[in-house]
Amino acid sequence: MIWIGEIKMTKTTLKIDGMMCGMCEAHINDAIRGAFPVKKVSASHSKGEAVVITEAPLDEGKLREVIGSTGYELKSIESEPYEKKSGLFGFFKK
């Protein structure tokens, strides 16, 4: 087997004020998907946050603009390296 290399991913957690329901979550998810090349995005009105997985860090200014344009308030942004959880065959790596 030849391993070409790992793709470094970033997990960005956005604290968002104003989401009240599932439609609010969908609105946030759609806005983020439309503005950035994301691997995964998941908003939660009960947690007041959205988690975004990308291959590159997100531009904070653009994030604030995108979330602001939806009518919600972006309270904070936290980014950290993200490693995809290994599945059943994860132990074969390396």
C-alpha atoms as a PDB file:
ATOM      1  CA  MET A   1       0.000   0.000   0.000  1.00  0.00           C
ATOM      2  CA  ILE A   2       1.122   3.511  -0.742  1.00  0.00           C
ATOM      3  CA  TRP A   3      -0.029   6.379   1.452  1.00  0.00           C
ATOM      4  CA  ILE A   4       0.145   9.705  -0.326  1.00  0.00           C
ATOM      5  CA  GLY A   5      -0.455  11.720   2.813  1.00  0.00           C
ATOM      6  CA  GLU A   6      -3.115  12.930   5.153  1.00  0.00           C
ATOM      7  CA  ILE A   7      -5.378  15.849   4.441  1.00  0.00           C
ATOM      8  CA  LYS A   8      -5.234  18.324   7.298  1.00  0.00           C
ATOM      9  CA  MET A   9      -8.704  19.482   8.241  1.00  0.00           C
ATOM     10  CA  THR A  10      -9.989  22.278  10.456  1.00  0.00           C
ATOM     11  CA  LYS A  11     -12.951  22.176  12.830  1.00  0.00           C
ATOM     12  CA  THR A  12     -14.490  25.603  13.388  1.00  0.00           C
ATOM     13  CA  THR A  13     -17.105  26.092  16.098  1.00  0.00           C
ATOM     14  CA  LEU A  14     -19.298  29.163  15.718  1.00  0.00           C
ATOM     15  CA  LYS A  15     -21.357  30.450  18.636  1.00  0.00           C
ATOM     16  CA  ILE A  16     -24.486  31.944  17.076  1.00  0.00           C
ATOM     17  CA  ASP A  17     -27.246  33.891  18.803  1.00  0.00           C
ATOM     18  CA  GLY A  18     -30.834  33.916  17.561  1.00  0.00           C
ATOM     19  CA  MET A  19     -31.461  30.399  16.234  1.00  0.00           C
ATOM     20  CA  MET A  20     -34.819  29.125  17.513  1.00  0.00           C
ATOM     21  CA  CYS A  21     -35.727  26.048  15.438  1.00  0.00           C
ATOM     22  CA  GLY A  22     -34.735  23.533  12.788  1.00  0.00           C
ATOM     23  CA  MET A  23     -35.434  26.012  10.002  1.00  0.00           C
ATOM     24  CA  CYS A  24     -32.962  28.415  11.611  1.00  0.00           C
ATOM     25  CA  GLU A  25     -30.366  25.623  11.583  1.00  0.00           C
ATOM     26  CA  ALA A  26     -31.066  24.936   7.895  1.00  0.00           C
ATOM     27  CA  HIS A  27     -30.731  28.650   7.102  1.00  0.00           C
ATOM     28  CA  ILE A  28     -27.299  28.797   8.772  1.00  0.00           C
ATOM     29  CA  ASN A  29     -26.159  25.516   7.161  1.00  0.00           C
ATOM     30  CA  ASP A  30     -27.216  26.687   3.693  1.00  0.00           C
ATOM     31  CA  ALA A  31     -25.539  30.092   4.100  1.00  0.00           C
ATOM     32  CA  ILE A  32     -22.236  28.510   5.166  1.00  0.00           C
ATOM     33  CA  ARG A  33     -22.366  25.869   2.407  1.00  0.00           C
ATOM     34  CA  GLY A  34     -23.036  28.589  -0.157  1.00  0.00           C
ATOM     35  CA  ALA A  35     -20.066  30.698   0.929  1.00  0.00           C
ATOM     36  CA  PHE A  36     -17.358  28.136   1.724  1.00  0.00           C
ATOM     37  CA  PRO A  37     -16.137  24.770   0.386  1.00  0.00           C
ATOM     38  CA  VAL A  38     -17.092  22.733   3.463  1.00  0.00           C
ATOM     39  CA  LYS A  39     -16.805  19.006   4.082  1.00  0.00           C
ATOM     40  CA  LYS A  40     -19.512  19.117   6.763  1.00  0.00           C
ATOM     41  CA  VAL A  41     -21.613  21.734   8.530  1.00  0.00           C
ATOM     42  CA  SER A  42     -24.024  21.143  11.380  1.00  0.00           C
ATOM     43  CA  ALA A  43     -25.926  23.897  13.197  1.00  0.00           C
ATOM     44  CA  SER A  44     -27.778  23.305  16.473  1.00  0.00           C
ATOM     45  CA  HIS A  45     -30.308  25.807  17.802  1.00  0.00           C
ATOM     46  CA  SER A  46     -30.355  24.062  21.196  1.00  0.00           C
ATOM     47  CA  LYS A  47     -26.573  24.482  21.588  1.00  0.00           C
ATOM     48  CA  GLY A  48     -26.518  27.877  19.876  1.00  0.00           C
ATOM     49  CA  GLU A  49     -23.674  26.833  17.626  1.00  0.00           C
ATOM     50  CA  ALA A  50     -22.620  25.559  14.239  1.00  0.00           C
ATOM     51  CA  VAL A  51     -19.684  23.213  13.669  1.00  0.00           C
ATOM     52  CA  VAL A  52     -17.938  23.415  10.308  1.00  0.00           C
ATOM     53  CA  ILE A  53     -15.345  20.950   8.973  1.00  0.00           C
ATOM     54  CA  THR A  54     -13.121  22.263   6.160  1.00  0.00           C
ATOM     55  CA  GLU A  55      -9.801  21.478   4.508  1.00  0.00           C
ATOM     56  CA  ALA A  56      -8.579  25.045   5.078  1.00  0.00           C
ATOM     57  CA  PRO A  57      -9.205  27.567   7.858  1.00  0.00           C
ATOM     58  CA  LEU A  58     -12.185  29.852   7.260  1.00  0.00           C
ATOM     59  CA  ASP A  59     -11.827  33.602   6.784  1.00  0.00           C
ATOM     60  CA  GLU A  60     -13.273  35.142   9.970  1.00  0.00           C
ATOM     61  CA  GLY A  61     -14.302  38.390   8.294  1.00  0.00           C
ATOM     62  CA  LYS A  62     -16.221  36.557   5.598  1.00  0.00           C
ATOM     63  CA  LEU A  63     -17.798  34.272   8.240  1.00  0.00           C
ATOM     64  CA  ARG A  64     -19.062  37.282  10.186  1.00  0.00           C
ATOM     65  CA  GLU A  65     -20.457  38.770   6.976  1.00  0.00           C
ATOM     66  CA  VAL A  66     -22.184  35.519   5.935  1.00  0.00           C
ATOM     67  CA  ILE A  67     -23.759  34.863   9.353  1.00  0.00           C
ATOM     68  CA  GLY A  68     -24.709  38.541   9.763  1.00  0.00           C
ATOM     69  CA  SER A  69     -26.486  38.511   6.402  1.00  0.00           C
ATOM     70  CA  THR A  70     -28.779  35.734   7.694  1.00  0.00           C
ATOM     71  CA  GLY A  71     -30.037  37.929  10.540  1.00  0.00           C
ATOM     72  CA  TYR A  72     -28.293  35.957  13.295  1.00  0.00           C
ATOM     73  CA  GLU A  73     -25.438  37.197  15.462  1.00  0.00           C
ATOM     74  CA  LEU A  74     -22.053  35.481  15.409  1.00  0.00           C
ATOM     75  CA  LYS A  75     -20.770  35.657  19.003  1.00  0.00           C
ATOM     76  CA  SER A  76     -17.467  33.772  18.714  1.00  0.00           C
ATOM     77  CA  ILE A  77     -15.287  31.646  16.446  1.00  0.00           C
ATOM     78  CA  GLU A  78     -12.987  28.846  17.633  1.00  0.00           C
ATOM     79  CA  SER A  79     -10.839  26.803  15.258  1.00  0.00           C
ATOM     80  CA  GLU A  80      -8.808  23.683  15.929  1.00  0.00           C
ATOM     81  CA  PRO A  81      -7.179  20.898  13.920  1.00  0.00           C
ATOM     82  CA  TYR A  82      -9.602  18.098  13.073  1.00  0.00           C
ATOM     83  CA  GLU A  83      -8.813  14.445  12.538  1.00  0.00           C
ATOM     84  CA  LYS A  84     -11.454  12.268  10.985  1.00  0.00           C
ATOM     85  CA  LYS A  85     -12.450   9.510  13.361  1.00  0.00           C
ATOM     86  CA  SER A  86     -11.222   6.138  12.201  1.00  0.00           C
ATOM     87  CA  GLY A  87     -13.809   3.599  11.255  1.00  0.00           C
ATOM     88  CA  LEU A  88     -13.584  -0.154  11.452  1.00  0.00           C
ATOM     89  CA  PHE A  89     -10.480  -0.246   9.266  1.00  0.00           C
ATOM     90  CA  GLY A  90      -8.661   2.651  10.927  1.00  0.00           C
ATOM     91  CA  PHE A  91      -6.213   0.272  12.597  1.00  0.00           C
ATOM     92  CA  PHE A  92      -4.774  -0.660   9.173  1.00  0.00           C
ATOM     93  CA  LYS A  93      -3.330   2.832   8.788  1.00  0.00           C
ATOM     94  CA  LYS A  94       0.430   3.339   9.104  1.00  0.00           C
END
